[in-house]
Amino acid sequence: MPTEPLSQKEIEDRLRELPGWSVENDRLTRAYRLGDHFAATALVVHVARIQQEMNHHSDLTLGYDSVALSVHTHSAGGALTEKDFELAERVERIAPGHGAR
């Protein structure tokens, strides 16, 4: 069953629940700063595990002390869906444990 795109109002409502996240170029995005490269790499590995469990993958960018995510749902024509926000919420729950800000 395909995932349905969210309406603009639904997206705006969900964004209010996710400080630091925004919509850029029709993708849900967030960048984190971490203490060093090892912490950033550990966060990427943890996010990759969550994505594998969900079978929903974002673009991940690893910098020296930063991690950026960008996601949308390919099966919904590149629109934002509940699955994108679920991924963002799960990342938000684990990011502080890595020292992300």
Protein backbone atom coordinates (compact mmCIF):
# COMPACT_ATOMS: atom_id res chain seq x y z
CA MET A 1 0.00 0.00 0.00
CA PRO A 2 1.53 3.35 -1.00
CA THR A 3 2.15 6.01 1.61
CA GLU A 4 -0.02 9.07 1.17
CA PRO A 5 1.52 12.56 0.91
CA LEU A 6 0.79 14.91 3.79
CA SER A 7 -1.07 18.15 3.19
CA GLN A 8 0.72 21.48 3.67
CA LYS A 9 -1.17 22.01 6.94
CA GLU A 10 -0.21 18.56 8.20
CA ILE A 11 3.44 19.29 7.36
CA GLU A 12 3.32 22.64 9.17
CA ASP A 13 1.68 21.03 12.22
CA ARG A 14 4.28 18.25 12.34
CA LEU A 15 7.18 20.71 11.94
CA ARG A 16 6.03 22.54 15.09
CA GLU A 17 6.73 19.30 16.97
CA LEU A 18 10.28 19.06 15.58
CA PRO A 19 12.40 22.11 16.47
CA GLY A 20 15.47 22.36 14.26
CA TRP A 21 13.84 20.57 11.33
CA SER A 22 12.66 22.39 8.22
CA VAL A 23 11.42 21.75 4.71
CA GLU A 24 13.87 22.67 1.96
CA ASN A 25 13.36 21.75 -1.69
CA ASP A 26 10.42 19.49 -0.74
CA ARG A 27 12.58 17.51 1.71
CA LEU A 28 12.52 17.31 5.48
CA THR A 29 15.99 18.40 6.65
CA ARG A 30 18.05 18.85 9.79
CA ALA A 31 21.73 19.46 10.56
CA TYR A 32 23.43 18.57 13.82
CA ARG A 33 26.73 19.70 15.37
CA LEU A 34 28.66 17.23 17.45
CA GLY A 35 31.78 17.29 19.60
CA ASP A 36 34.12 15.69 17.11
CA HIS A 37 34.35 13.39 14.10
CA PHE A 38 33.98 10.20 16.11
CA ALA A 39 30.70 11.41 17.67
CA ALA A 40 29.41 12.48 14.25
CA THR A 41 30.30 9.10 12.76
CA ALA A 42 28.62 7.26 15.63
CA LEU A 43 25.43 9.25 15.04
CA VAL A 44 25.50 8.36 11.33
CA VAL A 45 25.81 4.65 12.18
CA HIS A 46 22.94 4.88 14.66
CA VAL A 47 20.74 6.72 12.12
CA ALA A 48 21.62 4.12 9.48
CA ARG A 49 20.43 1.36 11.84
CA ILE A 50 17.10 3.14 12.38
CA GLN A 51 16.68 3.65 8.64
CA GLN A 52 17.37 -0.02 7.98
CA GLU A 53 14.76 -1.03 10.59
CA MET A 54 12.21 1.30 9.00
CA ASN A 55 13.22 0.47 5.42
CA HIS A 56 13.18 4.23 4.89
CA HIS A 57 16.42 5.99 4.03
CA SER A 58 17.47 9.61 4.09
CA ASP A 59 20.44 11.25 2.46
CA LEU A 60 23.07 11.49 5.19
CA THR A 61 26.02 13.87 5.00
CA LEU A 62 28.92 13.40 7.39
CA GLY A 63 31.27 16.29 8.09
CA TYR A 64 34.13 16.53 10.57
CA ASP A 65 31.80 17.42 13.46
CA SER A 66 28.42 17.56 11.73
CA VAL A 67 25.68 15.35 10.34
CA ALA A 68 22.94 16.47 7.96
CA LEU A 69 19.81 14.55 6.97
CA SER A 70 17.47 15.13 4.06
CA VAL A 71 14.47 12.89 3.43
CA HIS A 72 11.31 12.50 1.41
CA THR A 73 9.30 9.46 0.32
CA HIS A 74 10.18 8.16 -3.14
CA SER A 75 7.10 5.91 -3.32
CA ALA A 76 4.89 9.01 -2.80
CA GLY A 77 6.44 10.82 -5.75
CA GLY A 78 9.02 12.60 -3.61
CA ALA A 79 6.38 14.10 -1.30
CA LEU A 80 6.59 14.24 2.48
CA THR A 81 4.72 11.52 4.34
CA GLU A 82 4.15 10.34 7.88
CA LYS A 83 7.10 7.99 7.41
CA ASP A 84 9.48 10.94 6.96
CA PHE A 85 8.31 12.50 10.21
CA GLU A 86 8.53 9.18 12.03
CA LEU A 87 12.16 8.91 10.94
CA ALA A 88 12.83 12.49 12.10
CA GLU A 89 11.25 11.78 15.50
CA ARG A 90 13.35 8.67 15.99
CA VAL A 91 16.54 10.56 15.07
CA GLU A 92 15.59 13.35 17.50
CA ARG A 93 15.27 10.81 20.31
CA ILE A 94 18.77 9.37 19.82
CA ALA A 95 20.72 12.48 18.76
CA PRO A 96 21.20 13.93 22.28
CA GLY A 97 22.82 10.67 23.40
CA HIS A 98 25.57 11.38 20.87
CA GLY A 99 26.01 14.96 22.08
CA ALA A 100 24.26 16.40 19.01
CA ARG A 101 22.96 19.93 19.15
